[in-house]
Amino acid sequence: MSRRPTRRTSSKGELPGVQRDDVQVEASSAVLTITGEFKERERIGILGRRTRRTGRFEFRTTLPAAVESEAITASLQEGVLTVKVPKAAKAKRRRVEITAG
């Protein structure tokens, strides 16, 4: 079974109940930083006892050495944040031909 070389690195994180405006994704030369806030939502109707996380959060990770930081994309869909980090051209694999002699 052979694997195709990947052209990007992806990270996914679960952020249930967090709105897109409450999350920031920043990339510096070697660090990807995700910050945001879990906010208390107004509840309507009969209130039961429920524990829900609230407050600010921050996640940092080191990026691979050769990435295209200008082409990093992030999307938040159904409570899942997906960040895609494309590899720079020099970091992509290439097949090297073997010659005789």
N, C-alpha and C. Protein backbone atom coordinates (compact mmCIF):
# COMPACT_ATOMS: atom_id res chain seq x y z
N MET A 1 0.84 -1.16 0.00
CA MET A 1 0.00 0.00 0.00
C MET A 1 0.89 1.23 0.00
N SER A 2 0.69 2.12 -0.93
CA SER A 2 1.52 3.33 -0.99
C SER A 2 0.70 4.53 -0.55
N ARG A 3 1.41 5.46 0.05
CA ARG A 3 0.76 6.69 0.48
C ARG A 3 1.16 7.82 -0.45
N ARG A 4 0.22 8.66 -0.75
CA ARG A 4 0.53 9.83 -1.56
C ARG A 4 1.13 10.88 -0.66
N PRO A 5 2.13 11.61 -1.13
CA PRO A 5 2.69 12.67 -0.30
C PRO A 5 1.65 13.75 -0.04
N THR A 6 1.59 14.25 1.15
CA THR A 6 0.62 15.29 1.48
C THR A 6 1.21 16.65 1.17
N ARG A 7 0.36 17.55 0.78
CA ARG A 7 0.78 18.90 0.44
C ARG A 7 0.42 19.89 1.55
N ARG A 8 -0.17 19.37 2.62
CA ARG A 8 -0.53 20.26 3.73
C ARG A 8 -0.64 19.47 5.02
N THR A 9 -0.60 20.20 6.10
CA THR A 9 -0.80 19.64 7.42
C THR A 9 -2.15 20.15 7.92
N SER A 10 -2.94 19.30 8.55
CA SER A 10 -4.25 19.71 9.06
C SER A 10 -4.33 19.46 10.56
N SER A 11 -5.05 20.34 11.24
CA SER A 11 -5.34 20.15 12.66
C SER A 11 -6.82 20.38 12.86
N LYS A 12 -7.42 19.55 13.70
CA LYS A 12 -8.84 19.70 14.02
C LYS A 12 -9.00 19.78 15.52
N GLY A 13 -9.95 20.60 15.95
CA GLY A 13 -10.25 20.72 17.37
C GLY A 13 -11.73 20.92 17.57
N GLU A 14 -12.26 20.32 18.62
CA GLU A 14 -13.69 20.45 18.91
C GLU A 14 -13.92 21.68 19.77
N LEU A 15 -14.82 22.54 19.31
CA LEU A 15 -15.20 23.75 20.03
C LEU A 15 -16.72 23.85 20.07
N PRO A 16 -17.37 22.95 20.80
CA PRO A 16 -18.84 22.94 20.82
C PRO A 16 -19.41 24.23 21.39
N GLY A 17 -20.36 24.81 20.67
CA GLY A 17 -21.04 26.00 21.14
C GLY A 17 -20.29 27.30 20.92
N VAL A 18 -19.10 27.25 20.37
CA VAL A 18 -18.31 28.46 20.13
C VAL A 18 -18.66 29.01 18.75
N GLN A 19 -18.89 30.32 18.69
CA GLN A 19 -19.20 30.97 17.43
C GLN A 19 -17.91 31.38 16.71
N ARG A 20 -17.99 31.53 15.41
CA ARG A 20 -16.82 31.88 14.61
C ARG A 20 -16.17 33.19 15.06
N ASP A 21 -16.99 34.17 15.47
CA ASP A 21 -16.46 35.46 15.91
C ASP A 21 -15.73 35.37 17.25
N ASP A 22 -15.88 34.26 17.97
CA ASP A 22 -15.26 34.10 19.28
C ASP A 22 -13.94 33.32 19.22
N VAL A 23 -13.45 33.05 18.01
CA VAL A 23 -12.19 32.29 17.83
C VAL A 23 -11.27 33.09 16.93
N GLN A 24 -9.98 33.13 17.29
CA GLN A 24 -8.97 33.77 16.46
C GLN A 24 -7.86 32.76 16.18
N VAL A 25 -7.40 32.73 14.94
CA VAL A 25 -6.29 31.87 14.54
C VAL A 25 -5.20 32.78 14.01
N GLU A 26 -4.00 32.67 14.59
CA GLU A 26 -2.87 33.49 14.17
C GLU A 26 -1.67 32.60 13.90
N ALA A 27 -0.90 32.96 12.89
CA ALA A 27 0.31 32.21 12.56
C ALA A 27 1.48 33.18 12.51
N SER A 28 2.51 32.87 13.28
CA SER A 28 3.76 33.63 13.19
C SER A 28 4.75 32.76 12.44
N SER A 29 6.01 33.10 12.49
CA SER A 29 7.00 32.37 11.69
C SER A 29 7.02 30.87 11.99
N ALA A 30 6.87 30.48 13.25
CA ALA A 30 6.98 29.06 13.57
C ALA A 30 5.89 28.57 14.52
N VAL A 31 4.92 29.42 14.86
CA VAL A 31 3.91 29.05 15.85
C VAL A 31 2.50 29.34 15.34
N LEU A 32 1.60 28.39 15.53
CA LEU A 32 0.18 28.57 15.23
C LEU A 32 -0.52 28.73 16.57
N THR A 33 -1.26 29.84 16.74
CA THR A 33 -1.95 30.12 17.99
C THR A 33 -3.45 30.22 17.74
N ILE A 34 -4.23 29.49 18.53
CA ILE A 34 -5.69 29.53 18.45
C ILE A 34 -6.18 30.01 19.80
N THR A 35 -6.90 31.13 19.82
CA THR A 35 -7.45 31.66 21.06
C THR A 35 -8.94 31.88 20.89
N GLY A 36 -9.65 31.91 21.98
CA GLY A 36 -11.09 32.15 21.90
C GLY A 36 -11.73 32.13 23.27
N GLU A 37 -13.05 32.07 23.25
CA GLU A 37 -13.80 32.12 24.49
C GLU A 37 -15.07 31.28 24.39
N PHE A 38 -15.27 30.46 25.41
CA PHE A 38 -16.54 29.76 25.58
C PHE A 38 -17.43 30.71 26.36
N LYS A 39 -18.54 31.12 25.78
CA LYS A 39 -19.43 32.08 26.45
C LYS A 39 -20.65 31.37 27.02
N GLU A 40 -21.14 31.93 28.12
CA GLU A 40 -22.37 31.44 28.74
C GLU A 40 -23.52 31.83 27.82
N ARG A 41 -24.37 30.89 27.49
CA ARG A 41 -25.52 31.18 26.64
C ARG A 41 -26.75 31.38 27.51
N GLU A 42 -27.62 32.26 27.06
CA GLU A 42 -28.87 32.46 27.77
C GLU A 42 -29.76 31.25 27.53
N ARG A 43 -30.29 30.73 28.59
CA ARG A 43 -31.14 29.55 28.48
C ARG A 43 -32.60 29.95 28.69
N ILE A 44 -33.44 29.45 27.84
CA ILE A 44 -34.86 29.76 27.92
C ILE A 44 -35.61 28.48 28.24
N GLY A 45 -36.58 28.58 29.12
CA GLY A 45 -37.38 27.41 29.46
C GLY A 45 -37.00 26.87 30.83
N ILE A 46 -37.33 25.62 31.04
CA ILE A 46 -37.05 24.98 32.32
C ILE A 46 -35.55 24.72 32.41
N LEU A 47 -34.95 25.20 33.48
CA LEU A 47 -33.52 25.03 33.66
C LEU A 47 -33.24 23.80 34.50
N GLY A 48 -32.42 22.96 33.99
CA GLY A 48 -31.96 21.82 34.76
C GLY A 48 -30.52 22.06 35.18
N ARG A 49 -30.00 21.22 36.02
CA ARG A 49 -28.60 21.37 36.39
C ARG A 49 -27.73 20.89 35.25
N ARG A 50 -26.87 21.76 34.83
CA ARG A 50 -26.01 21.45 33.71
C ARG A 50 -24.64 22.07 33.93
N THR A 51 -23.62 21.31 33.69
CA THR A 51 -22.27 21.84 33.79
C THR A 51 -21.77 22.12 32.40
N ARG A 52 -21.30 23.34 32.20
CA ARG A 52 -20.78 23.73 30.89
C ARG A 52 -19.54 24.58 31.09
N ARG A 53 -18.53 24.31 30.31
CA ARG A 53 -17.28 25.04 30.41
C ARG A 53 -17.46 26.45 29.85
N THR A 54 -16.96 27.46 30.58
CA THR A 54 -16.96 28.84 30.10
C THR A 54 -15.58 29.43 30.35
N GLY A 55 -15.26 30.49 29.64
CA GLY A 55 -13.99 31.16 29.83
C GLY A 55 -13.14 31.16 28.57
N ARG A 56 -11.96 31.75 28.71
CA ARG A 56 -11.03 31.88 27.58
C ARG A 56 -10.16 30.63 27.44
N PHE A 57 -9.69 30.39 26.23
CA PHE A 57 -8.77 29.29 25.99
C PHE A 57 -7.69 29.74 25.01
N GLU A 58 -6.56 29.05 25.06
CA GLU A 58 -5.47 29.33 24.13
C GLU A 58 -4.75 28.02 23.84
N PHE A 59 -4.46 27.79 22.58
CA PHE A 59 -3.73 26.60 22.14
C PHE A 59 -2.62 27.05 21.23
N ARG A 60 -1.40 26.57 21.48
CA ARG A 60 -0.25 26.90 20.64
C ARG A 60 0.41 25.61 20.18
N THR A 61 0.87 25.62 18.94
CA THR A 61 1.62 24.48 18.42
C THR A 61 2.70 25.00 17.47
N THR A 62 3.76 24.25 17.40
CA THR A 62 4.86 24.61 16.52
C THR A 62 4.54 24.15 15.11
N LEU A 63 4.78 25.03 14.15
CA LEU A 63 4.55 24.69 12.74
C LEU A 63 5.80 24.03 12.16
N PRO A 64 5.62 23.19 11.14
CA PRO A 64 6.79 22.65 10.45
C PRO A 64 7.63 23.79 9.89
N ALA A 65 8.88 23.53 9.63
CA ALA A 65 9.81 24.58 9.21
C ALA A 65 9.40 25.27 7.91
N ALA A 66 8.96 24.54 6.93
CA ALA A 66 8.67 25.13 5.62
C ALA A 66 7.18 25.06 5.31
N VAL A 67 6.46 26.12 5.66
CA VAL A 67 5.03 26.20 5.35
C VAL A 67 4.74 27.52 4.65
N GLU A 68 3.63 27.56 3.95
CA GLU A 68 3.18 28.80 3.31
C GLU A 68 2.23 29.49 4.28
N SER A 69 2.75 30.34 5.14
CA SER A 69 1.93 30.95 6.19
C SER A 69 0.84 31.85 5.63
N GLU A 70 1.03 32.41 4.44
CA GLU A 70 0.01 33.27 3.84
C GLU A 70 -1.18 32.47 3.32
N ALA A 71 -1.02 31.17 3.15
CA ALA A 71 -2.08 30.34 2.59
C ALA A 71 -2.78 29.48 3.64
N ILE A 72 -2.52 29.72 4.92
CA ILE A 72 -3.18 28.96 5.99
C ILE A 72 -4.66 29.32 6.00
N THR A 73 -5.52 28.30 6.10
CA THR A 73 -6.96 28.53 6.14
C THR A 73 -7.54 27.88 7.40
N ALA A 74 -8.66 28.42 7.86
CA ALA A 74 -9.35 27.87 9.02
C ALA A 74 -10.85 27.92 8.76
N SER A 75 -11.55 26.87 9.19
CA SER A 75 -13.01 26.85 9.05
C SER A 75 -13.60 26.25 10.32
N LEU A 76 -14.78 26.74 10.69
CA LEU A 76 -15.49 26.25 11.86
C LEU A 76 -16.85 25.77 11.40
N GLN A 77 -17.07 24.45 11.50
CA GLN A 77 -18.33 23.88 11.03
C GLN A 77 -18.82 22.87 12.05
N GLU A 78 -20.03 23.06 12.52
CA GLU A 78 -20.68 22.15 13.46
C GLU A 78 -19.80 21.89 14.69
N GLY A 79 -19.17 22.96 15.19
CA GLY A 79 -18.37 22.84 16.42
C GLY A 79 -16.99 22.25 16.23
N VAL A 80 -16.54 22.07 14.99
CA VAL A 80 -15.21 21.53 14.73
C VAL A 80 -14.40 22.57 13.96
N LEU A 81 -13.29 23.01 14.56
CA LEU A 81 -12.38 23.95 13.92
C LEU A 81 -11.33 23.15 13.15
N THR A 82 -11.18 23.44 11.86
CA THR A 82 -10.19 22.78 11.02
C THR A 82 -9.23 23.83 10.50
N VAL A 83 -7.94 23.64 10.77
CA VAL A 83 -6.91 24.55 10.29
C VAL A 83 -6.03 23.78 9.32
N LYS A 84 -5.87 24.30 8.10
CA LYS A 84 -5.07 23.65 7.07
C LYS A 84 -3.83 24.51 6.80
N VAL A 85 -2.66 23.88 6.91
CA VAL A 85 -1.39 24.57 6.75
C VAL A 85 -0.67 23.97 5.54
N PRO A 86 -0.65 24.67 4.40
CA PRO A 86 0.03 24.12 3.20
C PRO A 86 1.55 24.12 3.37
N LYS A 87 2.16 23.07 2.87
CA LYS A 87 3.62 23.00 2.90
C LYS A 87 4.19 23.86 1.79
N ALA A 88 5.34 24.44 2.04
CA ALA A 88 6.03 25.22 1.01
C ALA A 88 6.56 24.28 -0.06
N ALA A 89 6.80 24.81 -1.23
CA ALA A 89 7.25 23.98 -2.35
C ALA A 89 8.51 23.20 -2.02
N LYS A 90 9.42 23.80 -1.29
CA LYS A 90 10.66 23.09 -0.99
C LYS A 90 10.46 21.96 0.01
N ALA A 91 9.32 21.93 0.70
CA ALA A 91 9.08 20.88 1.68
C ALA A 91 8.32 19.69 1.09
N LYS A 92 7.80 19.85 -0.12
CA LYS A 92 7.04 18.78 -0.74
C LYS A 92 7.98 17.67 -1.23
N ARG A 93 7.50 16.46 -1.16
CA ARG A 93 8.28 15.33 -1.65
C ARG A 93 8.32 15.35 -3.16
N ARG A 94 9.40 14.83 -3.67
CA ARG A 94 9.46 14.62 -5.12
C ARG A 94 10.21 13.33 -5.36
N ARG A 95 9.85 12.66 -6.43
CA ARG A 95 10.48 11.40 -6.78
C ARG A 95 11.78 11.70 -7.51
N VAL A 96 12.84 11.00 -7.11
CA VAL A 96 14.15 11.19 -7.73
C VAL A 96 14.42 9.98 -8.62
N GLU A 97 14.73 10.25 -9.87
CA GLU A 97 14.98 9.17 -10.81
C GLU A 97 16.36 8.57 -10.57
N ILE A 98 16.45 7.28 -10.61
CA ILE A 98 17.72 6.57 -10.42
C ILE A 98 18.28 6.25 -11.80
N THR A 99 19.49 6.68 -12.03
CA THR A 99 20.11 6.43 -13.33
C THR A 99 21.20 5.37 -13.21
N ALA A 100 21.50 4.74 -14.30
CA ALA A 100 22.55 3.72 -14.30
C ALA A 100 23.92 4.39 -14.37
N GLY A 101 24.91 3.82 -13.65
CA GLY A 101 26.29 4.25 -13.78
C GLY A 101 26.66 5.24 -12.82
